[in-house]
Amino acid sequence: EYTSVGGRYVEQSQPQTLRRWTAPVRIKLDFGDTVSEADKARDRSTLG
């Protein structure tokens, strides 16, 4: 949908080749220091 043109990203749709993972996907969740323990627990449950 968007393409880099002159160092900026502009709305310019164009075909692309198919992209996907072939290796196992291992997702790690990290938080900033302001995130509460309750929010961390909810986000970990969401990700699981």
All heavy atoms as atom14 arrays in JSON, in Angstrom:
{
  "sequence": "EYTSVGGRYVEQSQPQTLRRWTAPVRIKLDFGDTVSEADKARDRSTLG",
  "atom14_mask": [
    [1, 1, 1, 1, 1, 1, 1, 1, 1, 0, 0, 0, 0, 0],
    [1, 1, 1, 1, 1, 1, 1, 1, 1, 1, 1, 1, 0, 0],
    [1, 1, 1, 1, 1, 1, 1, 0, 0, 0, 0, 0, 0, 0],
    [1, 1, 1, 1, 1, 1, 0, 0, 0, 0, 0, 0, 0, 0],
    [1, 1, 1, 1, 1, 1, 1, 0, 0, 0, 0, 0, 0, 0],
    [1, 1, 1, 1, 0, 0, 0, 0, 0, 0, 0, 0, 0, 0],
    [1, 1, 1, 1, 0, 0, 0, 0, 0, 0, 0, 0, 0, 0],
    [1, 1, 1, 1, 1, 1, 1, 1, 1, 1, 1, 0, 0, 0],
    [1, 1, 1, 1, 1, 1, 1, 1, 1, 1, 1, 1, 0, 0],
    [1, 1, 1, 1, 1, 1, 1, 0, 0, 0, 0, 0, 0, 0],
    [1, 1, 1, 1, 1, 1, 1, 1, 1, 0, 0, 0, 0, 0],
    [1, 1, 1, 1, 1, 1, 1, 1, 1, 0, 0, 0, 0, 0],
    [1, 1, 1, 1, 1, 1, 0, 0, 0, 0, 0, 0, 0, 0],
    [1, 1, 1, 1, 1, 1, 1, 1, 1, 0, 0, 0, 0, 0],
    [1, 1, 1, 1, 1, 1, 1, 0, 0, 0, 0, 0, 0, 0],
    [1, 1, 1, 1, 1, 1, 1, 1, 1, 0, 0, 0, 0, 0],
    [1, 1, 1, 1, 1, 1, 1, 0, 0, 0, 0, 0, 0, 0],
    [1, 1, 1, 1, 1, 1, 1, 1, 0, 0, 0, 0, 0, 0],
    [1, 1, 1, 1, 1, 1, 1, 1, 1, 1, 1, 0, 0, 0],
    [1, 1, 1, 1, 1, 1, 1, 1, 1, 1, 1, 0, 0, 0],
    [1, 1, 1, 1, 1, 1, 1, 1, 1, 1, 1, 1, 1, 1],
    [1, 1, 1, 1, 1, 1, 1, 0, 0, 0, 0, 0, 0, 0],
    [1, 1, 1, 1, 1, 0, 0, 0, 0, 0, 0, 0, 0, 0],
    [1, 1, 1, 1, 1, 1, 1, 0, 0, 0, 0, 0, 0, 0],
    [1, 1, 1, 1, 1, 1, 1, 0, 0, 0, 0, 0, 0, 0],
    [1, 1, 1, 1, 1, 1, 1, 1, 1, 1, 1, 0, 0, 0],
    [1, 1, 1, 1, 1, 1, 1, 1, 0, 0, 0, 0, 0, 0],
    [1, 1, 1, 1, 1, 1, 1, 1, 1, 0, 0, 0, 0, 0],
    [1, 1, 1, 1, 1, 1, 1, 1, 0, 0, 0, 0, 0, 0],
    [1, 1, 1, 1, 1, 1, 1, 1, 0, 0, 0, 0, 0, 0],
    [1, 1, 1, 1, 1, 1, 1, 1, 1, 1, 1, 0, 0, 0],
    [1, 1, 1, 1, 0, 0, 0, 0, 0, 0, 0, 0, 0, 0],
    [1, 1, 1, 1, 1, 1, 1, 1, 0, 0, 0, 0, 0, 0],
    [1, 1, 1, 1, 1, 1, 1, 0, 0, 0, 0, 0, 0, 0],
    [1, 1, 1, 1, 1, 1, 1, 0, 0, 0, 0, 0, 0, 0],
    [1, 1, 1, 1, 1, 1, 0, 0, 0, 0, 0, 0, 0, 0],
    [1, 1, 1, 1, 1, 1, 1, 1, 1, 0, 0, 0, 0, 0],
    [1, 1, 1, 1, 1, 0, 0, 0, 0, 0, 0, 0, 0, 0],
    [1, 1, 1, 1, 1, 1, 1, 1, 0, 0, 0, 0, 0, 0],
    [1, 1, 1, 1, 1, 1, 1, 1, 1, 0, 0, 0, 0, 0],
    [1, 1, 1, 1, 1, 0, 0, 0, 0, 0, 0, 0, 0, 0],
    [1, 1, 1, 1, 1, 1, 1, 1, 1, 1, 1, 0, 0, 0],
    [1, 1, 1, 1, 1, 1, 1, 1, 0, 0, 0, 0, 0, 0],
    [1, 1, 1, 1, 1, 1, 1, 1, 1, 1, 1, 0, 0, 0],
    [1, 1, 1, 1, 1, 1, 0, 0, 0, 0, 0, 0, 0, 0],
    [1, 1, 1, 1, 1, 1, 1, 0, 0, 0, 0, 0, 0, 0],
    [1, 1, 1, 1, 1, 1, 1, 1, 0, 0, 0, 0, 0, 0],
    [1, 1, 1, 1, 0, 0, 0, 0, 0, 0, 0, 0, 0, 0]
  ],
  "atom14_positions": [
    [[0.81, -1.21, 0.0], [0.0, 0.0, 0.0], [0.85, 1.26, 0.0], [0.53, 2.24, -0.66], [-0.94, 0.02, 1.21], [-1.91, 1.21, 1.19], [-2.96, 1.13, 2.28], [-2.94, 0.17, 3.05], [-3.79, 2.05, 2.36], [0.0, 0.0, 0.0], [0.0, 0.0, 0.0], [0.0, 0.0, 0.0], [0.0, 0.0, 0.0], [0.0, 0.0, 0.0]],
    [[1.95, 1.24, 0.75], [2.84, 2.4, 0.83], [4.23, 2.01, 0.4], [4.7, 0.9, 0.69], [2.85, 3.0, 2.24], [1.66, 3.87, 2.51], [0.41, 3.31, 2.75], [1.76, 5.26, 2.5], [-0.7, 4.1, 2.98], [0.66, 6.06, 2.74], [-0.57, 5.47, 2.97], [-1.66, 6.26, 3.19], [0.0, 0.0, 0.0], [0.0, 0.0, 0.0]],
    [[4.9, 2.93, -0.26], [6.23, 2.68, -0.82], [7.16, 3.83, -0.47], [6.73, 4.98, -0.36], [6.13, 2.56, -2.36], [5.18, 1.53, -2.68], [7.48, 2.21, -2.97], [0.0, 0.0, 0.0], [0.0, 0.0, 0.0], [0.0, 0.0, 0.0], [0.0, 0.0, 0.0], [0.0, 0.0, 0.0], [0.0, 0.0, 0.0], [0.0, 0.0, 0.0]],
    [[8.43, 3.5, -0.26], [9.43, 4.52, 0.02], [9.81, 5.24, -1.27], [10.24, 4.62, -2.24], [10.68, 3.88, 0.64], [11.67, 4.85, 0.88], [0.0, 0.0, 0.0], [0.0, 0.0, 0.0], [0.0, 0.0, 0.0], [0.0, 0.0, 0.0], [0.0, 0.0, 0.0], [0.0, 0.0, 0.0], [0.0, 0.0, 0.0], [0.0, 0.0, 0.0]],
    [[9.62, 6.56, -1.27], [9.98, 7.39, -2.41], [10.78, 8.58, -1.89], [10.26, 9.41, -1.15], [8.73, 7.89, -3.17], [9.14, 8.82, -4.31], [7.92, 6.72, -3.71], [0.0, 0.0, 0.0], [0.0, 0.0, 0.0], [0.0, 0.0, 0.0], [0.0, 0.0, 0.0], [0.0, 0.0, 0.0], [0.0, 0.0, 0.0], [0.0, 0.0, 0.0]],
    [[12.05, 8.64, -2.24], [12.89, 9.74, -1.8], [13.02, 9.84, -0.29], [13.11, 10.93, 0.26], [0.0, 0.0, 0.0], [0.0, 0.0, 0.0], [0.0, 0.0, 0.0], [0.0, 0.0, 0.0], [0.0, 0.0, 0.0], [0.0, 0.0, 0.0], [0.0, 0.0, 0.0], [0.0, 0.0, 0.0], [0.0, 0.0, 0.0], [0.0, 0.0, 0.0]],
    [[13.03, 8.68, 0.39], [13.18, 8.68, 1.84], [11.9, 8.92, 2.6], [11.9, 8.99, 3.83], [0.0, 0.0, 0.0], [0.0, 0.0, 0.0], [0.0, 0.0, 0.0], [0.0, 0.0, 0.0], [0.0, 0.0, 0.0], [0.0, 0.0, 0.0], [0.0, 0.0, 0.0], [0.0, 0.0, 0.0], [0.0, 0.0, 0.0], [0.0, 0.0, 0.0]],
    [[10.76, 9.03, 1.88], [9.45, 9.21, 2.53], [8.52, 8.11, 2.07], [8.68, 7.55, 0.98], [8.85, 10.57, 2.16], [9.64, 11.76, 2.63], [8.94, 13.05, 2.23], [7.59, 13.1, 2.76], [6.64, 13.94, 2.32], [6.9, 14.78, 1.32], [5.45, 13.93, 2.86], [0.0, 0.0, 0.0], [0.0, 0.0, 0.0], [0.0, 0.0, 0.0]],
    [[7.52, 7.8, 2.9], [6.58, 6.74, 2.57], [5.29, 7.35, 2.06], [4.64, 8.14, 2.75], [6.36, 5.84, 3.78], [7.64, 5.17, 4.16], [8.4, 5.62, 5.24], [8.16, 4.15, 3.39], [9.61, 5.04, 5.55], [9.38, 3.57, 3.68], [10.1, 4.02, 4.77], [11.31, 3.45, 5.07], [0.0, 0.0, 0.0], [0.0, 0.0, 0.0]],
    [[4.95, 7.0, 0.81], [3.79, 7.59, 0.16], [2.81, 6.49, -0.22], [3.19, 5.32, -0.4], [4.2, 8.38, -1.09], [5.13, 9.52, -0.72], [4.86, 7.46, -2.13], [0.0, 0.0, 0.0], [0.0, 0.0, 0.0], [0.0, 0.0, 0.0], [0.0, 0.0, 0.0], [0.0, 0.0, 0.0], [0.0, 0.0, 0.0], [0.0, 0.0, 0.0]],
    [[1.54, 6.86, -0.37], [0.52, 5.9, -0.75], [0.7, 5.54, -2.22], [0.44, 6.34, -3.11], [-0.88, 6.48, -0.51], [-1.98, 5.45, -0.67], [-3.31, 5.97, -0.22], [-3.38, 7.14, 0.2], [-4.29, 5.2, -0.29], [0.0, 0.0, 0.0], [0.0, 0.0, 0.0], [0.0, 0.0, 0.0], [0.0, 0.0, 0.0], [0.0, 0.0, 0.0]],
    [[1.16, 4.32, -2.45], [1.46, 3.88, -3.81], [1.36, 2.36, -3.84], [2.31, 1.66, -3.53], [2.85, 4.36, -4.23], [3.23, 4.01, -5.66], [4.56, 4.61, -6.05], [4.76, 5.82, -5.96], [5.49, 3.77, -6.49], [0.0, 0.0, 0.0], [0.0, 0.0, 0.0], [0.0, 0.0, 0.0], [0.0, 0.0, 0.0], [0.0, 0.0, 0.0]],
    [[0.19, 1.88, -4.2], [-0.05, 0.44, -4.22], [0.63, -0.2, -5.41], [0.61, 0.34, -6.52], [-1.55, 0.16, -4.26], [-1.8, -1.22, -4.24], [0.0, 0.0, 0.0], [0.0, 0.0, 0.0], [0.0, 0.0, 0.0], [0.0, 0.0, 0.0], [0.0, 0.0, 0.0], [0.0, 0.0, 0.0], [0.0, 0.0, 0.0], [0.0, 0.0, 0.0]],
    [[1.22, -1.37, -5.17], [1.84, -2.11, -6.26], [1.92, -3.59, -5.88], [1.89, -3.94, -4.7], [3.24, -1.56, -6.55], [4.18, -1.59, -5.38], [5.51, -0.91, -5.69], [5.7, -0.32, -6.74], [6.45, -1.01, -4.77], [0.0, 0.0, 0.0], [0.0, 0.0, 0.0], [0.0, 0.0, 0.0], [0.0, 0.0, 0.0], [0.0, 0.0, 0.0]],
    [[1.99, -4.46, -6.88], [2.09, -5.9, -6.58], [3.37, -6.22, -5.82], [4.38, -5.52, -5.97], [2.08, -6.55, -7.97], [1.5, -5.53, -8.88], [1.93, -4.2, -8.32], [0.0, 0.0, 0.0], [0.0, 0.0, 0.0], [0.0, 0.0, 0.0], [0.0, 0.0, 0.0], [0.0, 0.0, 0.0], [0.0, 0.0, 0.0], [0.0, 0.0, 0.0]],
    [[3.31, -7.26, -5.0], [4.51, -7.75, -4.34], [4.5, -9.27, -4.35], [3.45, -9.9, -4.45], [4.6, -7.24, -2.9], [3.62, -7.88, -1.95], [3.9, -7.55, -0.49], [4.81, -6.8, -0.17], [3.12, -8.11, 0.41], [0.0, 0.0, 0.0], [0.0, 0.0, 0.0], [0.0, 0.0, 0.0], [0.0, 0.0, 0.0], [0.0, 0.0, 0.0]],
    [[5.68, -9.86, -4.25], [5.75, -11.32, -4.18], [5.23, -11.8, -2.83], [5.2, -11.06, -1.86], [7.2, -11.79, -4.37], [8.03, -11.18, -3.37], [7.72, -11.43, -5.75], [0.0, 0.0, 0.0], [0.0, 0.0, 0.0], [0.0, 0.0, 0.0], [0.0, 0.0, 0.0], [0.0, 0.0, 0.0], [0.0, 0.0, 0.0], [0.0, 0.0, 0.0]],
    [[4.84, -13.05, -2.8], [4.3, -13.63, -1.57], [5.38, -13.71, -0.5], [6.51, -14.13, -0.77], [3.74, -15.02, -1.87], [2.99, -15.71, -0.74], [1.81, -16.5, -1.3], [3.91, -16.65, 0.04], [0.0, 0.0, 0.0], [0.0, 0.0, 0.0], [0.0, 0.0, 0.0], [0.0, 0.0, 0.0], [0.0, 0.0, 0.0], [0.0, 0.0, 0.0]],
    [[5.04, -13.29, 0.71], [5.99, -13.3, 1.82], [5.39, -14.04, 3.01], [4.23, -13.83, 3.37], [6.32, -11.86, 2.26], [6.96, -11.04, 1.16], [7.22, -9.63, 1.62], [7.77, -8.8, 0.54], [8.09, -7.53, 0.68], [7.93, -6.93, 1.85], [8.57, -6.85, -0.33], [0.0, 0.0, 0.0], [0.0, 0.0, 0.0], [0.0, 0.0, 0.0]],
    [[6.19, -14.91, 3.59], [5.76, -15.6, 4.81], [6.98, -16.23, 5.48], [8.07, -16.25, 4.92], [4.7, -16.67, 4.49], [5.25, -17.91, 3.82], [4.17, -18.95, 3.6], [4.75, -20.22, 3.18], [4.15, -21.09, 2.39], [2.95, -20.83, 1.92], [4.75, -22.23, 2.07], [0.0, 0.0, 0.0], [0.0, 0.0, 0.0], [0.0, 0.0, 0.0]],
    [[6.75, -16.72, 6.68], [7.82, -17.38, 7.44], [7.96, -18.84, 6.98], [6.97, -19.5, 6.67], [7.5, -17.38, 8.93], [7.46, -16.02, 9.55], [6.48, -15.09, 9.43], [8.45, -15.45, 10.41], [6.79, -13.96, 10.15], [7.99, -14.16, 10.78], [9.66, -15.89, 10.92], [8.7, -13.32, 11.63], [10.38, -15.07, 11.77], [9.9, -13.8, 12.11]],
    [[9.2, -19.32, 6.97], [9.45, -20.75, 6.79], [10.03, -21.35, 8.08], [9.81, -22.52, 8.38], [10.41, -21.0, 5.61], [11.62, -20.26, 5.8], [9.75, -20.6, 4.3], [0.0, 0.0, 0.0], [0.0, 0.0, 0.0], [0.0, 0.0, 0.0], [0.0, 0.0, 0.0], [0.0, 0.0, 0.0], [0.0, 0.0, 0.0], [0.0, 0.0, 0.0]],
    [[10.77, -20.55, 8.83], [11.29, -21.0, 10.13], [10.2, -20.9, 11.19], [9.23, -20.14, 11.03], [12.49, -20.14, 10.53], [0.0, 0.0, 0.0], [0.0, 0.0, 0.0], [0.0, 0.0, 0.0], [0.0, 0.0, 0.0], [0.0, 0.0, 0.0], [0.0, 0.0, 0.0], [0.0, 0.0, 0.0], [0.0, 0.0, 0.0], [0.0, 0.0, 0.0]],
    [[10.31, -21.65, 12.28], [9.37, -21.47, 13.38], [9.36, -20.03, 13.87], [10.42, -19.38, 13.93], [9.91, -22.43, 14.46], [10.68, -23.46, 13.7], [11.3, -22.71, 12.54], [0.0, 0.0, 0.0], [0.0, 0.0, 0.0], [0.0, 0.0, 0.0], [0.0, 0.0, 0.0], [0.0, 0.0, 0.0], [0.0, 0.0, 0.0], [0.0, 0.0, 0.0]],
    [[8.19, -19.53, 14.21], [8.05, -18.15, 14.69], [8.04, -18.18, 16.21], [7.17, -18.82, 16.82], [6.76, -17.5, 14.16], [6.66, -16.05, 14.63], [6.71, -17.58, 12.63], [0.0, 0.0, 0.0], [0.0, 0.0, 0.0], [0.0, 0.0, 0.0], [0.0, 0.0, 0.0], [0.0, 0.0, 0.0], [0.0, 0.0, 0.0], [0.0, 0.0, 0.0]],
    [[9.0, -17.51, 16.81], [9.11, -17.45, 18.26], [8.92, -16.0, 18.69], [9.75, -15.13, 18.38], [10.47, -17.99, 18.72], [10.67, -19.46, 18.34], [9.7, -20.37, 19.08], [9.8, -21.78, 18.68], [8.94, -22.39, 17.89], [7.91, -21.71, 17.41], [9.08, -23.65, 17.58], [0.0, 0.0, 0.0], [0.0, 0.0, 0.0], [0.0, 0.0, 0.0]],
    [[7.84, -15.74, 19.41], [7.43, -14.37, 19.73], [7.75, -14.06, 21.19], [7.33, -14.79, 22.09], [5.92, -14.17, 19.47], [5.57, -14.58, 18.03], [5.52, -12.73, 19.73], [4.1, -14.54, 17.72], [0.0, 0.0, 0.0], [0.0, 0.0, 0.0], [0.0, 0.0, 0.0], [0.0, 0.0, 0.0], [0.0, 0.0, 0.0], [0.0, 0.0, 0.0]],
    [[8.47, -12.97, 21.39], [8.83, -12.55, 22.74], [8.18, -11.2, 23.04], [8.23, -10.28, 22.23], [10.34, -12.43, 22.9], [10.79, -12.1, 24.32], [12.31, -12.09, 24.44], [12.75, -11.81, 25.87], [14.22, -11.79, 25.99], [0.0, 0.0, 0.0], [0.0, 0.0, 0.0], [0.0, 0.0, 0.0], [0.0, 0.0, 0.0], [0.0, 0.0, 0.0]],
    [[7.58, -11.08, 24.21], [6.87, -9.88, 24.63], [7.68, -9.15, 25.7], [8.07, -9.74, 26.71], [5.49, -10.27, 25.18], [4.56, -9.17, 25.67], [4.27, -8.15, 24.58], [3.26, -9.79, 26.19], [0.0, 0.0, 0.0], [0.0, 0.0, 0.0], [0.0, 0.0, 0.0], [0.0, 0.0, 0.0], [0.0, 0.0, 0.0], [0.0, 0.0, 0.0]],
    [[7.95, -7.86, 25.46], [8.68, -7.03, 26.42], [7.9, -5.74, 26.67], [7.14, -5.28, 25.82], [10.07, -6.69, 25.89], [11.01, -7.89, 25.94], [11.31, -8.36, 27.05], [11.44, -8.35, 24.86], [0.0, 0.0, 0.0], [0.0, 0.0, 0.0], [0.0, 0.0, 0.0], [0.0, 0.0, 0.0], [0.0, 0.0, 0.0], [0.0, 0.0, 0.0]],
    [[8.12, -5.15, 27.86], [7.34, -4.0, 28.29], [8.25, -2.84, 28.71], [9.35, -3.05, 29.21], [6.46, -4.36, 29.49], [5.48, -5.47, 29.22], [5.8, -6.79, 29.5], [4.23, -5.19, 28.69], [4.9, -7.81, 29.26], [3.33, -6.2, 28.45], [3.66, -7.51, 28.73], [0.0, 0.0, 0.0], [0.0, 0.0, 0.0], [0.0, 0.0, 0.0]],
    [[7.73, -1.64, 28.53], [8.37, -0.47, 29.08], [8.15, -0.39, 30.58], [7.32, -1.11, 31.15], [0.0, 0.0, 0.0], [0.0, 0.0, 0.0], [0.0, 0.0, 0.0], [0.0, 0.0, 0.0], [0.0, 0.0, 0.0], [0.0, 0.0, 0.0], [0.0, 0.0, 0.0], [0.0, 0.0, 0.0], [0.0, 0.0, 0.0], [0.0, 0.0, 0.0]],
    [[8.89, 0.5, 31.23], [8.87, 0.58, 32.69], [7.56, 1.13, 33.26], [7.3, 0.98, 34.46], [10.03, 1.45, 33.18], [11.38, 0.78, 32.96], [11.41, -0.46, 32.85], [12.39, 1.51, 32.88], [0.0, 0.0, 0.0], [0.0, 0.0, 0.0], [0.0, 0.0, 0.0], [0.0, 0.0, 0.0], [0.0, 0.0, 0.0], [0.0, 0.0, 0.0]],
    [[6.75, 1.79, 32.45], [5.51, 2.36, 32.98], [4.34, 1.39, 32.96], [3.28, 1.7, 33.48], [5.1, 3.62, 32.18], [4.83, 3.24, 30.84], [6.19, 4.68, 32.24], [0.0, 0.0, 0.0], [0.0, 0.0, 0.0], [0.0, 0.0, 0.0], [0.0, 0.0, 0.0], [0.0, 0.0, 0.0], [0.0, 0.0, 0.0], [0.0, 0.0, 0.0]],
    [[4.52, 0.22, 32.35], [3.4, -0.72, 32.21], [3.14, -1.43, 33.54], [4.06, -1.99, 34.15], [3.69, -1.75, 31.1], [2.51, -2.7, 30.93], [3.98, -1.03, 29.78], [0.0, 0.0, 0.0], [0.0, 0.0, 0.0], [0.0, 0.0, 0.0], [0.0, 0.0, 0.0], [0.0, 0.0, 0.0], [0.0, 0.0, 0.0], [0.0, 0.0, 0.0]],
    [[1.9, -1.4, 33.98], [1.54, -2.0, 35.26], [1.58, -3.53, 35.18], [1.49, -4.12, 34.1], [0.14, -1.56, 35.67], [-0.84, -2.16, 34.84], [0.0, 0.0, 0.0], [0.0, 0.0, 0.0], [0.0, 0.0, 0.0], [0.0, 0.0, 0.0], [0.0, 0.0, 0.0], [0.0, 0.0, 0.0], [0.0, 0.0, 0.0], [0.0, 0.0, 0.0]],
    [[1.68, -4.17, 36.34], [1.69, -5.63, 36.39], [0.38, -6.2, 35.87], [0.35, -7.25, 35.22], [1.96, -6.11, 37.81], [3.38, -5.81, 38.31], [4.44, -6.42, 37.4], [4.27, -7.58, 36.96], [5.45, -5.73, 37.12], [0.0, 0.0, 0.0], [0.0, 0.0, 0.0], [0.0, 0.0, 0.0], [0.0, 0.0, 0.0], [0.0, 0.0, 0.0]],
    [[-0.73, -5.52, 36.15], [-2.05, -5.99, 35.66], [-2.09, -5.96, 34.13], [-2.59, -6.89, 33.49], [-3.17, -5.14, 36.25], [0.0, 0.0, 0.0], [0.0, 0.0, 0.0], [0.0, 0.0, 0.0], [0.0, 0.0, 0.0], [0.0, 0.0, 0.0], [0.0, 0.0, 0.0], [0.0, 0.0, 0.0], [0.0, 0.0, 0.0], [0.0, 0.0, 0.0]],
    [[-1.56, -4.89, 33.55], [-1.54, -4.79, 32.09], [-0.61, -5.83, 31.48], [-0.89, -6.41, 30.43], [-1.11, -3.39, 31.66], [-2.21, -2.36, 31.84], [-3.37, -2.76, 32.03], [-1.9, -1.15, 31.82], [0.0, 0.0, 0.0], [0.0, 0.0, 0.0], [0.0, 0.0, 0.0], [0.0, 0.0, 0.0], [0.0, 0.0, 0.0], [0.0, 0.0, 0.0]],
    [[0.52, -6.07, 32.14], [1.44, -7.09, 31.65], [0.77, -8.46, 31.64], [0.89, -9.21, 30.67], [2.7, -7.14, 32.52], [3.63, -5.95, 32.38], [4.83, -6.11, 33.31], [5.75, -4.9, 33.24], [6.9, -5.03, 34.18], [0.0, 0.0, 0.0], [0.0, 0.0, 0.0], [0.0, 0.0, 0.0], [0.0, 0.0, 0.0], [0.0, 0.0, 0.0]],
    [[0.06, -8.78, 32.71], [-0.61, -10.08, 32.8], [-1.66, -10.23, 31.71], [-1.78, -11.29, 31.08], [-1.23, -10.25, 34.18], [0.0, 0.0, 0.0], [0.0, 0.0, 0.0], [0.0, 0.0, 0.0], [0.0, 0.0, 0.0], [0.0, 0.0, 0.0], [0.0, 0.0, 0.0], [0.0, 0.0, 0.0], [0.0, 0.0, 0.0], [0.0, 0.0, 0.0]],
    [[-2.43, -9.16, 31.46], [-3.45, -9.21, 30.42], [-2.82, -9.39, 29.05], [-3.29, -10.19, 28.23], [-4.31, -7.96, 30.45], [-5.48, -8.0, 29.45], [-6.32, -6.74, 29.47], [-5.53, -5.58, 29.11], [-5.32, -4.53, 29.89], [-5.86, -4.49, 31.11], [-4.59, -3.51, 29.49], [0.0, 0.0, 0.0], [0.0, 0.0, 0.0], [0.0, 0.0, 0.0]],
    [[-1.73, -8.66, 28.78], [-1.09, -8.76, 27.47], [-0.46, -10.14, 27.26], [-0.48, -10.69, 26.15], [-0.02, -7.68, 27.33], [-0.62, -6.28, 27.19], [-1.83, -6.18, 26.92], [0.13, -5.29, 27.36], [0.0, 0.0, 0.0], [0.0, 0.0, 0.0], [0.0, 0.0, 0.0], [0.0, 0.0, 0.0], [0.0, 0.0, 0.0], [0.0, 0.0, 0.0]],
    [[0.11, -10.71, 28.32], [0.68, -12.05, 28.18], [-0.42, -13.07, 27.89], [-0.24, -14.0, 27.07], [1.43, -12.44, 29.46], [2.74, -11.66, 29.65], [3.58, -12.26, 30.76], [4.81, -11.51, 30.97], [5.02, -10.7, 32.0], [4.08, -10.55, 32.93], [6.16, -10.04, 32.11], [0.0, 0.0, 0.0], [0.0, 0.0, 0.0], [0.0, 0.0, 0.0]],
    [[-1.56, -12.91, 28.53], [-2.69, -13.81, 28.26], [-3.17, -13.64, 26.82], [-3.47, -14.63, 26.13], [-3.83, -13.51, 29.24], [-4.97, -14.3, 28.95], [0.0, 0.0, 0.0], [0.0, 0.0, 0.0], [0.0, 0.0, 0.0], [0.0, 0.0, 0.0], [0.0, 0.0, 0.0], [0.0, 0.0, 0.0], [0.0, 0.0, 0.0], [0.0, 0.0, 0.0]],
    [[-3.24, -12.39, 26.35], [-3.63, -12.12, 24.97], [-2.69, -12.82, 24.0], [-3.13, -13.49, 23.06], [-3.61, -10.6, 24.69], [-4.67, -9.98, 25.43], [-3.79, -10.31, 23.21], [0.0, 0.0, 0.0], [0.0, 0.0, 0.0], [0.0, 0.0, 0.0], [0.0, 0.0, 0.0], [0.0, 0.0, 0.0], [0.0, 0.0, 0.0], [0.0, 0.0, 0.0]],
    [[-1.39, -12.67, 24.22], [-0.42, -13.25, 23.31], [-0.49, -14.78, 23.34], [-0.42, -15.43, 22.28], [0.99, -12.78, 23.66], [2.1, -13.3, 22.74], [1.85, -12.88, 21.3], [3.47, -12.81, 23.21], [0.0, 0.0, 0.0], [0.0, 0.0, 0.0], [0.0, 0.0, 0.0], [0.0, 0.0, 0.0], [0.0, 0.0, 0.0], [0.0, 0.0, 0.0]],
    [[-0.66, -15.36, 24.52], [-0.75, -16.81, 24.61], [-1.93, -17.36, 23.81], [-1.78, -18.34, 23.05], [0.0, 0.0, 0.0], [0.0, 0.0, 0.0], [0.0, 0.0, 0.0], [0.0, 0.0, 0.0], [0.0, 0.0, 0.0], [0.0, 0.0, 0.0], [0.0, 0.0, 0.0], [0.0, 0.0, 0.0], [0.0, 0.0, 0.0], [0.0, 0.0, 0.0]]
  ]
}
